[in-house]
Amino acid sequence: MCCPKVLTADLIDGLMELIRRNAGSTPLGAMSGRHCGDATRADYTADILAGSIENESVEAVGIVEGESVCGALLWEKLEWDSKILGRSCARIIFFAGDHPEEILSFWKGRAAALGIEYVTMRVAGSGRHGEVNQEFIESHGFDGIERFVFLRGSTEAAAPSHDVVQATEVDIEDICSIAVSAFEFDRFHAEDLFTKRDADRIYTEWVRNSFSGRADRVLSVRGARGGIAGFCTCLLPADAAGLPGWIDLLAVGTGSRRRGFGRSLMLAALGYFRSKDVRICALSTQEHNHPAMALYESLDFEIFDRAVTYRMVL
């Protein structure tokens, strides 16, 4: 058997074949709002990964047998996370095919030599289509820290009952305060390696980045006293004809809940996407975030994929 190695550019075609055979299971494809059975999802995932490998933001390690890549692991360093959390972070974004134990062992040694301290990996709920399954992951040093669901629905919806407007930069601090107080179900707050301050910094910077180009629109709604009660960030798809809009962040301040603000933000976001000729909206949340799940399902959003986030400390 061949030994694992870093895959070079001359092997990209064989690697893409492996990715297309298995991409239906990687949660990266769920970001397109496509079900794992969609024929286009494999191409979508492969195209993203091919571009990332070519610009060297993603590295591939794997095993080659003859002229075929029979197994591979793709990963990337997380510079932003590393800066915020104060430890060198990485993410495995694809892991499938034959000889997973040998490939993972090789990658661990390489990551440790490069100073990686903390790695996450999101695995599709059932380990479909050849992607390594949860049993394998859990037996090789990974701990599950988050169960994720992906939902999607139509952008055809009623008008919001509250006045929702586009937020401006003068609203950043107020929106950051809501983000710090509202998010509690996510993996950053559940992770025992990070403090609440670390998790809050993640969301503070996430909001700031939304105003700096990450989001195409930041929406806000005000309460009875005029203060911002909640916000929502919207990302338009690269291909408006085929992909859904993505709701990146949605939160209502702790003192403003159960008044319909979250629903109004959702309806306004759907209206924004519809105005851009985007017919489907997708989003994700934690499986145990029952208030959010109830809101989305009340708007006829349906679950189309599930995943588990794992972490490993090297």
Protein backbone atom coordinates (compact mmCIF):
# COMPACT_ATOMS: atom_id res chain seq x y z
CA MET A 1 0.00 0.00 0.00
CA CYS A 2 1.19 3.52 -0.79
CA CYS A 3 1.95 5.85 2.08
CA PRO A 4 -0.04 9.05 2.69
CA LYS A 5 1.47 12.26 1.35
CA VAL A 6 0.67 15.87 0.53
CA LEU A 7 -1.15 15.77 -2.82
CA THR A 8 0.43 17.90 -5.52
CA ALA A 9 -1.17 19.82 -8.39
CA ASP A 10 -0.63 17.00 -10.89
CA LEU A 11 -3.06 14.86 -8.86
CA ILE A 12 -5.87 17.41 -8.84
CA ASP A 13 -7.98 15.59 -11.44
CA GLY A 14 -7.92 12.35 -9.48
CA LEU A 15 -8.68 14.24 -6.30
CA MET A 16 -11.69 15.94 -7.89
CA GLU A 17 -13.04 12.54 -8.92
CA LEU A 18 -12.86 11.40 -5.30
CA ILE A 19 -14.51 14.60 -4.09
CA ARG A 20 -17.36 14.31 -6.58
CA ARG A 21 -18.02 10.71 -5.54
CA ASN A 22 -18.24 11.70 -1.88
CA ALA A 23 -19.21 15.37 -1.84
CA GLY A 24 -22.87 14.58 -1.29
CA SER A 25 -22.10 13.91 2.35
CA THR A 26 -19.83 16.81 3.23
CA PRO A 27 -21.68 19.60 5.07
CA LEU A 28 -19.83 22.10 2.89
CA GLY A 29 -22.41 21.26 0.25
CA ALA A 30 -25.23 22.14 2.64
CA MET A 31 -24.09 25.75 2.54
CA SER A 32 -25.48 25.79 -1.00
CA GLY A 33 -28.89 24.90 0.39
CA ARG A 34 -28.86 21.69 -1.61
CA HIS A 35 -30.00 18.31 -0.37
CA CYS A 36 -27.33 15.61 -0.35
CA GLY A 37 -29.14 13.84 -3.17
CA ASP A 38 -28.99 16.80 -5.56
CA ALA A 39 -26.89 15.93 -8.59
CA THR A 40 -25.37 19.42 -8.69
CA ARG A 41 -24.16 19.39 -5.12
CA ALA A 42 -21.09 17.28 -5.84
CA ASP A 43 -20.00 19.65 -8.61
CA TYR A 44 -20.66 22.66 -6.40
CA THR A 45 -18.54 21.25 -3.59
CA ALA A 46 -15.78 20.09 -5.92
CA ASP A 47 -15.57 23.50 -7.60
CA ILE A 48 -15.20 25.28 -4.24
CA LEU A 49 -12.50 22.89 -3.07
CA ALA A 50 -10.65 22.92 -6.37
CA GLY A 51 -10.42 26.71 -6.26
CA SER A 52 -9.25 26.65 -2.64
CA ILE A 53 -6.54 24.09 -3.43
CA GLU A 54 -5.34 26.09 -6.42
CA ASN A 55 -4.95 29.27 -4.36
CA GLU A 56 -3.28 27.21 -1.60
CA SER A 57 -5.74 28.18 1.13
CA VAL A 58 -6.59 24.47 1.45
CA GLU A 59 -4.13 21.58 1.57
CA ALA A 60 -4.91 17.99 0.56
CA VAL A 61 -3.24 14.91 2.00
CA GLY A 62 -4.08 11.42 0.89
CA ILE A 63 -3.12 8.11 -0.65
CA VAL A 64 -2.59 7.45 -4.36
CA GLU A 65 -2.94 4.00 -5.85
CA GLY A 66 -1.90 3.80 -9.49
CA GLU A 67 -3.33 6.92 -11.08
CA SER A 68 -6.22 7.28 -8.63
CA VAL A 69 -6.53 9.17 -5.37
CA CYS A 70 -8.24 6.54 -3.26
CA GLY A 71 -8.57 8.56 -0.06
CA ALA A 72 -7.99 12.15 0.99
CA LEU A 73 -8.31 14.71 3.76
CA LEU A 74 -8.59 18.42 2.96
CA TRP A 75 -7.91 21.01 5.62
CA GLU A 76 -7.24 24.70 6.13
CA LYS A 77 -5.71 26.93 8.79
CA LEU A 78 -8.19 29.29 10.44
CA GLU A 79 -6.26 32.53 10.77
CA TRP A 80 -9.22 34.57 12.00
CA ASP A 81 -10.22 32.03 14.65
CA SER A 82 -6.60 31.66 15.72
CA LYS A 83 -6.26 35.40 16.22
CA ILE A 84 -9.48 35.71 18.23
CA LEU A 85 -9.05 32.58 20.35
CA GLY A 86 -5.31 32.85 20.94
CA ARG A 87 -4.41 29.34 19.77
CA SER A 88 -3.57 27.97 16.34
CA CYS A 89 -6.81 26.61 14.85
CA ALA A 90 -7.57 24.54 11.76
CA ARG A 91 -10.57 22.91 10.12
CA ILE A 92 -10.90 19.61 8.25
CA ILE A 93 -13.36 20.27 5.45
CA PHE A 94 -13.35 16.97 3.55
CA PHE A 95 -12.33 13.45 4.62
CA ALA A 96 -13.38 10.45 2.56
CA GLY A 97 -12.28 7.34 0.73
CA ASP A 98 -10.07 4.39 1.62
CA HIS A 99 -7.42 4.09 4.36
CA PRO A 100 -8.83 6.81 6.67
CA GLU A 101 -6.75 5.69 9.66
CA GLU A 102 -3.43 6.04 7.83
CA ILE A 103 -4.44 9.38 6.33
CA LEU A 104 -5.59 10.81 9.67
CA SER A 105 -2.40 9.67 11.41
CA PHE A 106 -0.28 11.31 8.71
CA TRP A 107 -2.28 14.52 8.95
CA LYS A 108 -2.02 14.66 12.75
CA GLY A 109 1.76 14.50 12.54
CA ARG A 110 1.84 17.19 9.87
CA ALA A 111 -0.56 19.48 11.74
CA ALA A 112 1.38 19.10 15.00
CA ALA A 113 4.64 19.92 13.22
CA LEU A 114 2.99 23.08 11.84
CA GLY A 115 1.93 24.15 15.32
CA ILE A 116 -1.81 23.45 15.01
CA GLU A 117 -3.34 23.15 18.47
CA TYR A 118 -7.07 22.88 17.85
CA VAL A 119 -9.01 21.39 14.94
CA THR A 120 -12.70 21.11 14.14
CA MET A 121 -14.53 18.96 11.60
CA ARG A 122 -18.19 18.88 10.68
CA VAL A 123 -19.42 15.41 9.71
CA ALA A 124 -22.69 14.68 7.95
CA GLY A 125 -25.18 13.06 10.25
CA SER A 126 -25.15 9.63 8.65
CA GLY A 127 -21.70 9.44 7.06
CA ARG A 128 -23.27 9.01 3.64
CA HIS A 129 -21.58 8.22 0.34
CA GLY A 130 -18.27 7.05 1.73
CA GLU A 131 -17.36 9.96 3.97
CA VAL A 132 -15.82 8.80 7.23
CA ASN A 133 -18.55 8.17 9.74
CA GLN A 134 -19.08 9.38 13.27
CA GLU A 135 -18.05 6.09 14.86
CA PHE A 136 -14.63 6.32 13.22
CA ILE A 137 -14.23 9.98 14.19
CA GLU A 138 -15.18 9.39 17.82
CA SER A 139 -12.76 6.47 18.13
CA HIS A 140 -9.83 8.57 16.90
CA GLY A 141 -9.67 11.43 19.37
CA PHE A 142 -12.52 13.71 18.27
CA ASP A 143 -15.21 14.94 20.67
CA GLY A 144 -18.67 15.99 19.49
CA ILE A 145 -19.52 19.52 20.62
CA GLU A 146 -22.46 20.57 18.45
CA ARG A 147 -25.34 19.03 16.49
CA PHE A 148 -26.30 21.13 13.50
CA VAL A 149 -29.37 21.26 11.26
CA PHE A 150 -29.67 22.99 7.90
CA LEU A 151 -33.07 24.36 6.89
CA ARG A 152 -34.48 26.02 3.80
CA GLY A 153 -37.73 27.61 2.70
CA SER A 154 -39.35 29.81 0.12
CA THR A 155 -38.81 33.56 0.07
CA GLU A 156 -42.51 34.02 -0.69
CA ALA A 157 -43.80 35.37 2.61
CA ALA A 158 -45.96 38.04 4.23
CA ALA A 159 -44.74 41.49 5.15
CA PRO A 160 -43.24 41.90 8.64
CA SER A 161 -45.43 43.31 11.40
CA HIS A 162 -42.61 45.54 12.69
CA ASP A 163 -40.62 48.20 10.87
CA VAL A 164 -37.39 46.48 9.81
CA VAL A 165 -34.72 48.68 8.23
CA GLN A 166 -31.19 48.42 6.94
CA ALA A 167 -28.75 48.90 9.81
CA THR A 168 -25.91 51.38 9.47
CA GLU A 169 -22.46 51.62 10.98
CA VAL A 170 -23.75 53.80 13.83
CA ASP A 171 -25.67 50.71 14.98
CA ILE A 172 -22.62 48.43 15.22
CA GLU A 173 -22.04 48.73 18.97
CA ASP A 174 -25.70 48.14 19.83
CA ILE A 175 -25.84 45.12 17.53
CA CYS A 176 -22.60 43.77 19.01
CA SER A 177 -24.19 44.02 22.46
CA ILE A 178 -27.18 42.00 21.28
CA ALA A 179 -24.91 39.37 19.75
CA VAL A 180 -22.94 39.02 22.98
CA SER A 181 -26.09 38.56 25.07
CA ALA A 182 -28.17 36.48 22.66
CA PHE A 183 -25.99 33.66 21.37
CA GLU A 184 -25.69 30.75 23.77
CA PHE A 185 -26.35 27.52 21.89
CA ASP A 186 -23.30 27.67 19.61
CA ARG A 187 -20.14 25.57 19.84
CA PHE A 188 -18.01 28.51 20.98
CA HIS A 189 -20.07 28.95 24.14
CA ALA A 190 -20.35 25.18 24.61
CA GLU A 191 -16.59 24.63 24.23
CA ASP A 192 -14.89 24.16 27.62
CA LEU A 193 -11.53 25.22 26.18
CA PHE A 194 -12.78 28.76 25.58
CA THR A 195 -14.08 31.33 28.02
CA LYS A 196 -17.33 33.23 27.51
CA ARG A 197 -15.17 36.23 26.74
CA ASP A 198 -13.52 34.30 23.90
CA ALA A 199 -16.93 33.29 22.50
CA ASP A 200 -18.26 36.83 22.81
CA ARG A 201 -15.25 38.16 20.90
CA ILE A 202 -16.02 35.76 18.06
CA TYR A 203 -19.50 37.18 17.64
CA THR A 204 -18.41 40.77 18.11
CA GLU A 205 -15.90 40.42 15.28
CA TRP A 206 -18.44 38.47 13.22
CA VAL A 207 -20.84 41.40 13.44
CA ARG A 208 -18.13 43.92 12.58
CA ASN A 209 -17.13 41.84 9.57
CA SER A 210 -20.76 41.76 8.45
CA PHE A 211 -20.65 45.54 8.14
CA SER A 212 -17.29 45.34 6.34
CA GLY A 213 -18.40 43.18 3.45
CA ARG A 214 -19.20 39.72 4.79
CA ALA A 215 -22.95 40.39 4.61
CA ASP A 216 -24.84 41.93 1.70
CA ARG A 217 -27.44 43.42 4.04
CA VAL A 218 -27.70 43.89 7.81
CA LEU A 219 -31.27 44.37 8.98
CA SER A 220 -32.40 45.75 12.32
CA VAL A 221 -35.65 46.23 14.19
CA ARG A 222 -36.30 48.66 17.03
CA GLY A 223 -38.34 48.19 20.17
CA ALA A 224 -40.98 50.42 21.72
CA ARG A 225 -38.36 52.67 23.33
CA GLY A 226 -36.43 53.16 20.13
CA GLY A 227 -33.45 50.95 20.89
CA ILE A 228 -32.40 48.14 18.56
CA ALA A 229 -34.26 44.98 19.58
CA GLY A 230 -32.72 42.56 17.10
CA PHE A 231 -30.76 42.13 13.90
CA CYS A 232 -30.26 39.79 10.96
CA THR A 233 -27.46 39.46 8.40
CA CYS A 234 -28.17 38.33 4.83
CA LEU A 235 -25.79 36.87 2.24
CA LEU A 236 -26.75 36.81 -1.42
CA PRO A 237 -25.72 33.77 -3.49
CA ALA A 238 -23.07 34.06 -6.17
CA ASP A 239 -25.57 32.61 -8.65
CA ALA A 240 -28.95 34.13 -7.90
CA ALA A 241 -30.68 31.85 -10.41
CA GLY A 242 -29.70 28.61 -8.76
CA LEU A 243 -28.58 29.05 -5.16
CA PRO A 244 -30.44 30.27 -2.08
CA GLY A 245 -29.88 33.33 0.01
CA TRP A 246 -28.20 32.60 3.32
CA ILE A 247 -29.19 34.00 6.71
CA ASP A 248 -25.90 34.18 8.55
CA LEU A 249 -26.81 35.64 11.94
CA LEU A 250 -30.16 36.36 13.57
CA ALA A 251 -30.62 37.46 17.16
CA VAL A 252 -33.08 39.30 19.37
CA GLY A 253 -31.99 40.97 22.61
CA THR A 254 -32.85 39.09 25.78
CA GLY A 255 -35.24 41.83 26.94
CA SER A 256 -37.12 41.96 23.64
CA ARG A 257 -38.09 38.35 23.06
CA ARG A 258 -41.57 36.87 22.57
CA ARG A 259 -42.75 40.06 20.86
CA GLY A 260 -42.47 38.91 17.27
CA PHE A 261 -39.21 40.71 16.45
CA GLY A 262 -37.46 37.55 15.30
CA ARG A 263 -40.33 36.70 12.99
CA SER A 264 -40.33 40.22 11.54
CA LEU A 265 -36.59 40.03 10.91
CA MET A 266 -37.04 36.70 9.12
CA LEU A 267 -39.89 38.03 6.98
CA ALA A 268 -37.88 41.14 6.10
CA ALA A 269 -34.89 38.98 5.15
CA LEU A 270 -37.09 36.83 2.92
CA GLY A 271 -38.44 39.99 1.31
CA TYR A 272 -34.91 41.25 0.69
CA PHE A 273 -33.92 38.01 -1.02
CA ARG A 274 -37.11 38.02 -3.08
CA SER A 275 -36.36 41.58 -4.24
CA LYS A 276 -33.05 40.24 -5.58
CA ASP A 277 -34.82 37.43 -7.48
CA VAL A 278 -33.65 34.79 -4.99
CA ARG A 279 -36.43 32.27 -4.50
CA ILE A 280 -35.04 30.05 -1.75
CA CYS A 281 -33.51 30.94 1.62
CA ALA A 282 -31.32 28.61 3.70
CA LEU A 283 -29.80 28.78 7.16
CA SER A 284 -28.40 26.62 9.93
CA THR A 285 -28.76 26.39 13.67
CA GLN A 286 -28.07 24.06 16.55
CA GLU A 287 -30.48 21.16 16.88
CA HIS A 288 -31.23 22.00 20.52
CA ASN A 289 -31.95 25.69 19.82
CA HIS A 290 -35.66 25.10 20.22
CA PRO A 291 -36.82 28.76 20.03
CA ALA A 292 -35.03 29.24 16.71
CA MET A 293 -36.29 25.92 15.36
CA ALA A 294 -39.87 26.85 16.29
CA LEU A 295 -39.53 30.18 14.47
CA TYR A 296 -38.14 28.66 11.28
CA GLU A 297 -40.64 25.84 11.18
CA SER A 298 -43.50 28.30 11.70
CA LEU A 299 -42.38 29.90 8.43
CA ASP A 300 -42.50 26.50 6.68
CA PHE A 301 -38.74 26.01 6.64
CA GLU A 302 -37.80 22.33 6.43
CA ILE A 303 -34.68 20.48 7.53
CA PHE A 304 -32.70 19.22 4.54
CA ASP A 305 -29.46 18.14 6.22
CA ARG A 306 -27.84 17.44 9.57
CA ALA A 307 -24.28 17.42 10.82
CA VAL A 308 -22.18 17.04 13.96
CA THR A 309 -19.28 19.36 14.77
CA TYR A 310 -16.28 17.62 16.29
CA ARG A 311 -13.15 19.01 17.86
CA MET A 312 -9.71 17.64 18.62
CA VAL A 313 -6.95 19.14 20.73
CA LEU A 314 -3.51 18.25 19.34
